[in-house]
């Protein structure tokens, strides 16, 4: 079948790599794609949110499946757009409806959903710009640290953990009245800080049946030892060593099953991935966030560990018979290390020549923020530039191989965290 993949980041390069391996994929197009995705299909110059142009391309090229990588087109309703068009509704769109994407598109919606279906999560309250004084009073009544979350999409950076109440109040003013995160901060969720260890669980669902993918843990802070500003993610490991059978059973019973049941109860169409961000507190799982798609850079560690044909699984998602499939996983651990540009996650440098890409070994290199020059050289074009994924029977060995390759690749201002995974060895 002919497949169109939407997106342009490291996650989408990983999807392109996996989809192109499928015997069921006749031709892969990526809109808009990046330097790396060109190796696995044909990049087309269409934005992932230009639904009219996407529809036109789908019809003209006989596309039978659209795989949606990033959250933006999902939150804006790409699934609903296809479903509402007689000429397009037969196309398999892998991603939730606009209503389902609200699990990520609105932190307030997600918290209400969690609360309504008795899914473990942190205590919270939501405030708008007209409620700034009430929000400040609420902070006064809470313990610190305290977590502030922009309600809408903020490219993975709309979460601030405040150690002091005065700091929290200042952040609130910046978010609610000065639009620190733009329209995403028109509402702010103030949340109890949960002290524990994070992990990510991903499920692929047809809206009723689901498969749980390999567990992962990502590293959001820019600095070694989880210090500094939040980023989109500086690395990931899979599987998570502390994700015991007992813990995963709790996740399944207390979180995954109620989530799927809640979507059905709400009559929400959901055919795609659900990322469940968890905080494990004294052995108990709590949901800190949902995403309506795969995470980045967890995708780069999780998907290559899947032995099953991804396109075959997607067909079952579309048909609603995912219960007939079994997920096969390779018996290796994976570690992903992100190479970032100097200045990221704030103002960062671009157009730096990348060298030694061909010198890497025993790893996969996924492109995120790169661009090809006219002479064929590759340069930096984003905050997160490349993601290096390595594999081994032992996690510590996979990490060591990824770091060795991170040191081989070079560009001016290159930065990476050398401690990915070391907190769980």
Protein backbone atom coordinates (compact mmCIF):
# COMPACT_ATOMS: atom_id res chain seq x y z
CA UNK A 1 0.00 0.00 0.00
CA UNK A 2 0.99 3.62 -0.48
CA UNK A 3 1.50 5.44 2.83
CA UNK A 4 1.81 9.11 3.76
CA UNK A 5 3.62 9.98 7.00
CA UNK A 6 3.09 13.44 8.48
CA UNK A 7 5.86 15.22 10.39
CA UNK A 8 9.50 16.26 10.19
CA UNK A 9 11.30 15.32 13.42
CA UNK A 10 13.34 12.50 14.88
CA UNK A 11 10.15 10.64 15.75
CA UNK A 12 9.06 10.75 12.10
CA UNK A 13 12.47 9.58 10.85
CA UNK A 14 12.05 6.58 13.16
CA UNK A 15 8.53 5.91 11.83
CA UNK A 16 9.85 6.17 8.26
CA UNK A 17 12.60 3.67 9.08
CA UNK A 18 10.08 1.20 10.54
CA UNK A 19 7.37 1.65 7.88
CA UNK A 20 9.81 1.29 4.96
CA UNK A 21 10.90 -2.11 6.36
CA UNK A 22 7.35 -3.46 6.01
CA UNK A 23 6.59 -5.78 3.10
CA UNK A 24 3.15 -4.15 3.05
CA UNK A 25 4.58 -0.72 2.19
CA UNK A 26 4.70 -0.22 -1.58
CA UNK A 27 5.68 3.46 -1.44
CA UNK A 28 6.26 5.87 1.44
CA UNK A 29 5.84 9.64 1.25
CA UNK A 30 6.72 11.99 4.11
CA UNK A 31 5.24 15.48 4.52
CA UNK A 32 7.37 17.47 4.95
CA UNK A 33 10.04 15.04 6.22
CA UNK A 34 13.71 15.81 6.83
CA UNK A 35 17.18 14.91 5.61
CA UNK A 36 16.99 11.51 7.26
CA UNK A 37 13.53 10.48 6.07
CA UNK A 38 14.69 10.84 2.45
CA UNK A 39 16.57 7.56 2.88
CA UNK A 40 13.30 5.67 3.40
CA UNK A 41 10.78 7.41 1.16
CA UNK A 42 10.00 10.55 -0.79
CA UNK A 43 9.75 13.87 1.01
CA UNK A 44 7.00 16.19 -0.21
CA UNK A 45 6.86 19.89 0.54
CA UNK A 46 3.54 20.01 2.40
CA UNK A 47 3.11 21.15 5.99
CA UNK A 48 1.68 18.52 8.36
CA UNK A 49 -1.22 20.89 9.18
CA UNK A 50 -2.13 21.86 5.58
CA UNK A 51 -5.12 19.52 5.41
CA UNK A 52 -6.35 20.70 2.01
CA UNK A 53 -2.96 20.11 0.38
CA UNK A 54 -2.63 16.75 2.17
CA UNK A 55 -6.09 15.67 0.93
CA UNK A 56 -5.25 16.68 -2.62
CA UNK A 57 -2.00 14.70 -2.51
CA UNK A 58 -3.74 11.65 -1.02
CA UNK A 59 -6.35 11.60 -3.79
CA UNK A 60 -3.90 12.21 -6.63
CA UNK A 61 -1.42 9.55 -5.45
CA UNK A 62 -3.74 6.77 -4.30
CA UNK A 63 -2.64 6.97 -0.66
CA UNK A 64 -4.35 4.29 1.46
CA UNK A 65 -2.90 5.13 4.88
CA UNK A 66 -1.92 8.36 6.64
CA UNK A 67 0.29 8.00 9.73
CA UNK A 68 0.31 11.12 11.90
CA UNK A 69 3.54 11.71 13.83
CA UNK A 70 3.21 15.06 15.69
CA UNK A 71 0.44 16.32 17.95
CA UNK A 72 -0.42 19.54 16.11
CA UNK A 73 -2.38 18.04 13.16
CA UNK A 74 -4.14 15.65 15.55
CA UNK A 75 -5.26 18.42 17.91
CA UNK A 76 -6.39 20.44 14.86
CA UNK A 77 -8.54 17.51 13.69
CA UNK A 78 -6.86 15.76 10.75
CA UNK A 79 -8.71 12.51 11.57
CA UNK A 80 -12.09 14.29 11.53
CA UNK A 81 -11.16 16.08 8.28
CA UNK A 82 -10.71 12.74 6.50
CA UNK A 83 -13.76 11.15 8.11
CA UNK A 84 -16.02 14.01 7.01
CA UNK A 85 -15.05 13.73 3.31
CA UNK A 86 -16.74 11.03 1.20
CA UNK A 87 -13.67 10.76 -1.03
CA UNK A 88 -11.27 10.41 1.91
CA UNK A 89 -13.08 8.51 4.64
CA UNK A 90 -11.85 5.12 3.36
CA UNK A 91 -8.22 6.17 4.06
CA UNK A 92 -6.75 4.65 7.23
CA UNK A 93 -5.70 7.57 9.45
CA UNK A 94 -3.46 6.43 12.31
CA UNK A 95 -4.12 8.94 15.06
CA UNK A 96 -7.07 9.90 17.26
CA UNK A 97 -10.00 12.14 16.49
CA UNK A 98 -9.89 15.78 17.54
CA UNK A 99 -11.82 14.88 20.71
CA UNK A 100 -9.30 12.13 21.56
CA UNK A 101 -6.36 14.45 20.91
CA UNK A 102 -7.67 16.72 23.68
CA UNK A 103 -5.96 14.32 26.08
CA UNK A 104 -2.83 16.19 25.03
CA UNK A 105 -4.31 19.37 23.58
CA UNK A 106 -5.73 20.45 26.94
CA UNK A 107 -4.11 19.63 30.28
CA UNK A 108 -7.36 20.66 31.97
CA UNK A 109 -9.38 18.21 29.84
CA UNK A 110 -6.90 15.44 30.65
CA UNK A 111 -7.05 16.13 34.41
CA UNK A 112 -10.85 16.13 34.37
CA UNK A 113 -10.81 12.85 32.43
CA UNK A 114 -8.39 11.28 34.91
CA UNK A 115 -10.45 12.46 37.87
CA UNK A 116 -13.77 11.33 36.37
CA UNK A 117 -12.52 7.81 35.68
CA UNK A 118 -10.67 7.47 39.00
CA UNK A 119 -7.27 7.14 37.38
CA UNK A 120 -4.43 7.95 39.84
CA UNK A 121 -3.03 11.45 39.28
CA UNK A 122 -1.78 14.45 41.24
CA UNK A 123 -4.16 16.90 42.94
CA UNK A 124 -4.76 20.00 40.79
CA UNK A 125 -6.74 23.15 40.04
CA UNK A 126 -7.13 25.15 36.80
CA UNK A 127 -7.13 28.94 36.45
CA UNK A 128 -7.58 31.45 33.59
CA UNK A 129 -6.13 34.94 33.12
CA UNK A 130 -9.20 36.44 34.82
CA UNK A 131 -8.47 34.36 37.94
CA UNK A 132 -4.90 35.40 38.65
CA UNK A 133 -5.61 36.43 42.25
CA UNK A 134 -7.43 33.14 42.96
CA UNK A 135 -4.48 31.27 41.42
CA UNK A 136 -1.99 33.11 43.65
CA UNK A 137 -4.11 32.36 46.73
CA UNK A 138 -4.25 28.69 45.68
CA UNK A 139 -0.45 28.60 45.50
CA UNK A 140 -0.26 30.09 49.02
CA UNK A 141 -2.32 27.16 50.31
CA UNK A 142 -0.16 24.46 48.68
CA UNK A 143 3.15 22.84 49.48
CA UNK A 144 6.26 23.43 47.38
CA UNK A 145 7.69 22.31 45.02
CA UNK A 146 4.62 22.92 42.87
CA UNK A 147 4.03 22.29 39.17
CA UNK A 148 2.58 24.81 36.68
CA UNK A 149 1.39 23.56 33.29
CA UNK A 150 0.24 25.58 30.30
CA UNK A 151 -3.12 24.09 29.30
CA UNK A 152 -2.42 23.93 25.56
CA UNK A 153 0.39 22.73 23.31
CA UNK A 154 3.76 24.29 24.07
CA UNK A 155 6.21 22.02 22.20
CA UNK A 156 7.03 20.05 25.34
CA UNK A 157 8.20 23.15 27.21
CA UNK A 158 5.01 24.37 28.92
CA UNK A 159 5.74 22.77 32.30
CA UNK A 160 7.50 24.64 35.10
CA UNK A 161 8.46 23.14 38.46
CA UNK A 162 8.75 25.88 41.10
CA UNK A 163 10.72 25.37 44.31
CA UNK A 164 9.44 28.55 45.98
CA UNK A 165 5.96 30.09 46.24
CA UNK A 166 7.17 33.50 45.08
CA UNK A 167 8.73 31.87 42.03
CA UNK A 168 5.42 30.11 41.31
CA UNK A 169 3.50 33.37 41.58
CA UNK A 170 5.87 35.13 39.20
CA UNK A 171 5.61 32.26 36.71
CA UNK A 172 1.82 32.38 36.95
CA UNK A 173 1.80 36.07 36.10
CA UNK A 174 4.11 35.46 33.13
CA UNK A 175 2.02 32.56 31.86
CA UNK A 176 -1.45 34.01 32.41
CA UNK A 177 -0.97 37.72 31.78
CA UNK A 178 2.22 37.99 29.72
CA UNK A 179 1.63 34.96 27.48
CA UNK A 180 4.97 33.31 28.23
CA UNK A 181 3.74 30.24 26.32
CA UNK A 182 1.41 32.11 23.98
CA UNK A 183 -2.20 30.97 23.71
CA UNK A 184 -1.19 27.65 25.29
CA UNK A 185 -1.06 29.50 28.62
CA UNK A 186 -4.54 31.04 28.48
CA UNK A 187 -5.32 28.46 31.15
CA UNK A 188 -2.83 27.12 33.65
CA UNK A 189 -3.09 23.89 35.60
CA UNK A 190 -1.50 24.09 39.05
CA UNK A 191 -0.56 20.62 40.15
CA UNK A 192 0.77 18.87 43.23
CA UNK A 193 4.42 17.87 42.84
CA UNK A 194 4.87 14.11 42.97
CA UNK A 195 8.28 12.91 44.11
CA UNK A 196 9.25 9.66 42.49
CA UNK A 197 10.76 8.30 39.30
CA UNK A 198 9.34 8.88 35.83
CA UNK A 199 8.63 6.36 33.12
CA UNK A 200 6.69 6.30 29.87
CA UNK A 201 4.15 3.70 28.78
CA UNK A 202 2.85 3.64 25.20
CA UNK A 203 -0.19 1.85 23.93
CA UNK A 204 -1.43 1.34 20.39
CA UNK A 205 -5.21 1.10 20.31
CA UNK A 206 -8.09 0.71 17.88
CA UNK A 207 -10.35 2.38 20.46
CA UNK A 208 -11.35 -0.88 22.13
CA UNK A 209 -8.39 -3.26 21.97
CA UNK A 210 -4.81 -2.27 22.71
CA UNK A 211 -1.21 -3.44 22.72
CA UNK A 212 1.28 -2.16 25.29
CA UNK A 213 4.59 -1.24 23.67
CA UNK A 214 8.00 -1.53 25.38
CA UNK A 215 8.43 0.81 28.33
CA UNK A 216 10.76 3.80 28.17
CA UNK A 217 12.17 6.59 30.28
CA UNK A 218 13.09 9.94 28.79
CA UNK A 219 15.28 12.73 30.11
CA UNK A 220 13.68 16.16 29.79
CA UNK A 221 16.13 18.47 31.58
CA UNK A 222 18.95 20.02 29.59
CA UNK A 223 21.62 19.42 32.22
CA UNK A 224 23.45 16.39 33.60
CA UNK A 225 21.76 15.01 36.69
CA UNK A 226 18.35 16.28 35.54
CA UNK A 227 19.19 19.93 36.09
CA UNK A 228 18.34 23.09 34.18
CA UNK A 229 15.51 23.90 31.81
CA UNK A 230 12.97 21.47 30.41
CA UNK A 231 13.52 20.44 26.80
CA UNK A 232 11.65 18.31 24.30
CA UNK A 233 13.84 15.44 25.52
CA UNK A 234 17.61 14.84 25.62
CA UNK A 235 17.60 11.05 25.51
CA UNK A 236 15.71 7.88 26.37
CA UNK A 237 16.14 4.26 27.41
CA UNK A 238 14.01 1.18 26.79
CA UNK A 239 13.04 -0.96 28.61
CA UNK A 240 12.89 0.58 32.08
CA UNK A 241 14.74 -1.72 34.52
CA UNK A 242 12.34 -1.00 37.41
CA UNK A 243 9.20 -1.75 35.34
CA UNK A 244 8.53 -5.08 37.04
CA UNK A 245 5.65 -7.39 36.16
CA UNK A 246 3.94 -6.27 39.37
CA UNK A 247 4.24 -2.58 38.46
CA UNK A 248 3.08 -3.14 34.88
CA UNK A 249 0.05 -5.05 36.14
CA UNK A 250 -0.85 -2.03 38.29
CA UNK A 251 -0.42 0.26 35.28
CA UNK A 252 -2.64 -1.97 33.17
CA UNK A 253 -5.42 -2.35 35.76
CA UNK A 254 -5.40 1.13 37.29
CA UNK A 255 -4.52 3.25 34.26
CA UNK A 256 -4.60 1.67 30.79
CA UNK A 257 -7.89 -0.21 31.06
CA UNK A 258 -9.77 2.72 32.68
CA UNK A 259 -8.34 5.05 30.00
CA UNK A 260 -9.66 2.90 27.14
CA UNK A 261 -12.97 2.38 28.97
CA UNK A 262 -13.25 6.14 29.52
CA UNK A 263 -12.72 6.87 25.81
CA UNK A 264 -15.45 4.37 24.96
CA UNK A 265 -17.77 5.83 27.61
CA UNK A 266 -17.22 9.31 26.14
CA UNK A 267 -17.81 7.87 22.61
CA UNK A 268 -14.43 9.24 21.53
CA UNK A 269 -12.91 7.73 18.36
CA UNK A 270 -9.33 6.79 19.10
CA UNK A 271 -7.23 4.86 16.57
CA UNK A 272 -3.59 5.46 17.32
CA UNK A 273 -1.02 5.84 20.06
CA UNK A 274 -1.51 6.98 23.64
CA UNK A 275 1.55 8.05 25.57
CA UNK A 276 1.04 7.75 29.31
CA UNK A 277 3.60 9.72 31.30
CA UNK A 278 3.89 8.18 34.74
CA UNK A 279 5.45 9.07 38.06
CA UNK A 280 6.13 6.02 40.20
CA UNK A 281 5.74 7.01 43.85
CA UNK A 282 6.62 4.31 46.39
CA UNK A 283 5.81 1.62 43.83
CA UNK A 284 2.47 3.16 42.83
CA UNK A 285 1.87 4.64 39.33
CA UNK A 286 0.35 8.11 38.87
CA UNK A 287 -0.42 9.75 35.52
CA UNK A 288 1.37 13.07 35.09
CA UNK A 289 0.34 13.55 31.46
CA UNK A 290 -1.15 12.00 28.34
CA UNK A 291 0.11 12.54 24.81
CA UNK A 292 -1.98 11.62 21.77
CA UNK A 293 1.06 10.31 19.87
CA UNK A 294 4.43 8.71 20.43
CA UNK A 295 6.98 10.68 22.40
CA UNK A 296 10.22 12.10 21.08
CA UNK A 297 12.93 10.85 21.73
CA UNK A 298 11.30 7.74 23.29
CA UNK A 299 10.12 6.69 19.82
CA UNK A 300 13.75 6.34 18.74
CA UNK A 301 14.37 3.86 21.57
CA UNK A 302 11.01 2.03 21.54
CA UNK A 303 10.03 1.46 17.88
CA UNK A 304 13.29 -0.17 16.70
CA UNK A 305 12.83 -2.80 19.44
CA UNK A 306 9.55 -3.93 17.86
CA UNK A 307 9.88 -7.04 15.72
CA UNK A 308 6.26 -7.05 14.54
CA UNK A 309 5.38 -5.46 11.19
CA UNK A 310 4.27 -1.94 12.16
CA UNK A 311 2.14 -1.44 9.04
CA UNK A 312 0.33 -4.72 9.71
CA UNK A 313 -0.48 -3.46 13.23
CA UNK A 314 -1.72 -0.15 11.77
CA UNK A 315 -4.07 -1.99 9.41
CA UNK A 316 -5.57 -3.78 12.42
CA UNK A 317 -5.93 -0.45 14.22
CA UNK A 318 -7.94 0.87 11.27
CA UNK A 319 -10.08 -2.28 11.00
CA UNK A 320 -10.66 -2.52 14.75
CA UNK A 321 -9.28 -6.04 15.17
CA UNK A 322 -6.06 -5.31 17.06
CA UNK A 323 -7.06 -8.07 19.51
CA UNK A 324 -6.02 -10.56 16.81
CA UNK A 325 -2.41 -9.32 16.88
CA UNK A 326 0.46 -10.09 19.22
CA UNK A 327 3.33 -7.68 19.75
CA UNK A 328 6.76 -9.22 19.21
CA UNK A 329 9.70 -7.40 20.78
CA UNK A 330 13.42 -7.91 20.16
CA UNK A 331 15.40 -9.04 23.25
CA UNK A 332 17.65 -5.99 23.35
CA UNK A 333 17.85 -2.84 25.43
CA UNK A 334 18.02 0.47 23.57
CA UNK A 335 19.53 3.82 24.50
CA UNK A 336 19.01 7.10 22.65
CA UNK A 337 21.26 10.13 23.09
CA UNK A 338 20.21 13.46 21.54
CA UNK A 339 22.73 15.86 20.05
CA UNK A 340 21.53 19.44 20.52
CA UNK A 341 22.61 22.86 19.27
CA UNK A 342 24.33 25.35 21.55
CA UNK A 343 21.72 27.48 23.34
CA UNK A 344 18.89 24.93 23.20
CA UNK A 345 16.17 24.94 24.61
CA UNK A 346 16.31 28.73 24.38
CA UNK A 347 17.69 30.63 21.38
CA UNK A 348 19.98 28.21 19.58
CA UNK A 349 22.49 28.28 16.75
CA UNK A 350 21.82 26.92 13.24
CA UNK A 351 23.65 26.25 9.96
CA UNK A 352 26.63 24.47 11.55
CA UNK A 353 28.30 21.84 9.35
CA UNK A 354 27.80 18.28 10.64
CA UNK A 355 30.77 15.98 10.11
CA UNK A 356 31.65 12.32 10.70
CA UNK A 357 28.10 10.99 10.19
CA UNK A 358 29.55 8.16 8.09
CA UNK A 359 32.04 7.27 10.84
CA UNK A 360 29.36 6.05 13.27
CA UNK A 361 28.91 2.33 13.87
CA UNK A 362 26.71 -0.07 15.85
CA UNK A 363 23.93 2.52 15.97
CA UNK A 364 21.02 4.15 14.17
CA UNK A 365 21.22 7.90 13.60
CA UNK A 366 17.84 9.62 13.39
CA UNK A 367 17.66 13.16 12.01
CA UNK A 368 15.58 15.76 13.84
CA UNK A 369 16.86 19.26 13.04
CA UNK A 370 19.08 18.94 9.97
CA UNK A 371 19.16 20.36 6.46
CA UNK A 372 21.09 19.47 3.32
CA UNK A 373 23.20 22.13 1.65
CA UNK A 374 23.32 22.49 -2.13
CA UNK A 375 26.68 20.69 -2.20
CA UNK A 376 25.26 17.67 -0.34
CA UNK A 377 26.74 18.53 3.07
CA UNK A 378 24.40 18.33 6.06
CA UNK A 379 24.03 21.20 8.52
CA UNK A 380 22.15 21.85 11.75
CA UNK A 381 18.66 23.32 11.44
CA UNK A 382 17.07 22.87 14.87
CA UNK A 383 17.52 22.74 18.62
CA UNK A 384 17.59 18.98 18.71
CA UNK A 385 19.71 17.94 15.74
CA UNK A 386 20.25 14.17 15.81
CA UNK A 387 19.24 11.21 17.96
CA UNK A 388 21.64 8.27 18.23
CA UNK A 389 20.12 4.91 19.17
CA UNK A 390 22.21 1.89 20.11
CA UNK A 391 21.31 -1.62 21.24
CA UNK A 392 22.79 -4.31 23.46
CA UNK A 393 21.71 -7.14 25.72
CA UNK A 394 22.61 -4.90 28.66
CA UNK A 395 21.31 -1.34 28.97
CA UNK A 396 24.62 0.04 30.24
CA UNK A 397 26.37 -1.30 27.13
CA UNK A 398 23.74 0.24 24.84
CA UNK A 399 24.29 3.60 26.57
CA UNK A 400 28.07 3.32 26.20
CA UNK A 401 27.78 2.64 22.45
CA UNK A 402 25.37 5.58 21.96
CA UNK A 403 27.69 7.95 23.85
CA UNK A 404 30.73 6.74 21.89
CA UNK A 405 28.92 7.60 18.65
CA UNK A 406 27.72 10.92 20.07
CA UNK A 407 31.37 11.80 20.54
CA UNK A 408 32.24 10.81 16.94
CA UNK A 409 29.67 13.05 15.23
CA UNK A 410 30.75 16.67 15.28
CA UNK A 411 29.37 20.16 14.72
CA UNK A 412 30.18 23.52 16.28
CA UNK A 413 28.36 23.95 19.60
CA UNK A 414 27.36 20.28 19.85
CA UNK A 415 25.89 19.35 23.23
CA UNK A 416 24.62 16.07 24.66
CA UNK A 417 23.99 14.55 28.04
CA UNK A 418 26.47 11.84 28.92
CA UNK A 419 24.43 10.53 31.83
CA UNK A 420 21.40 9.13 29.97
CA UNK A 421 20.20 5.98 31.74
CA UNK A 422 22.83 6.05 34.43
CA UNK A 423 20.29 6.84 37.17
CA UNK A 424 18.67 3.42 36.71
CA UNK A 425 21.71 1.18 36.19
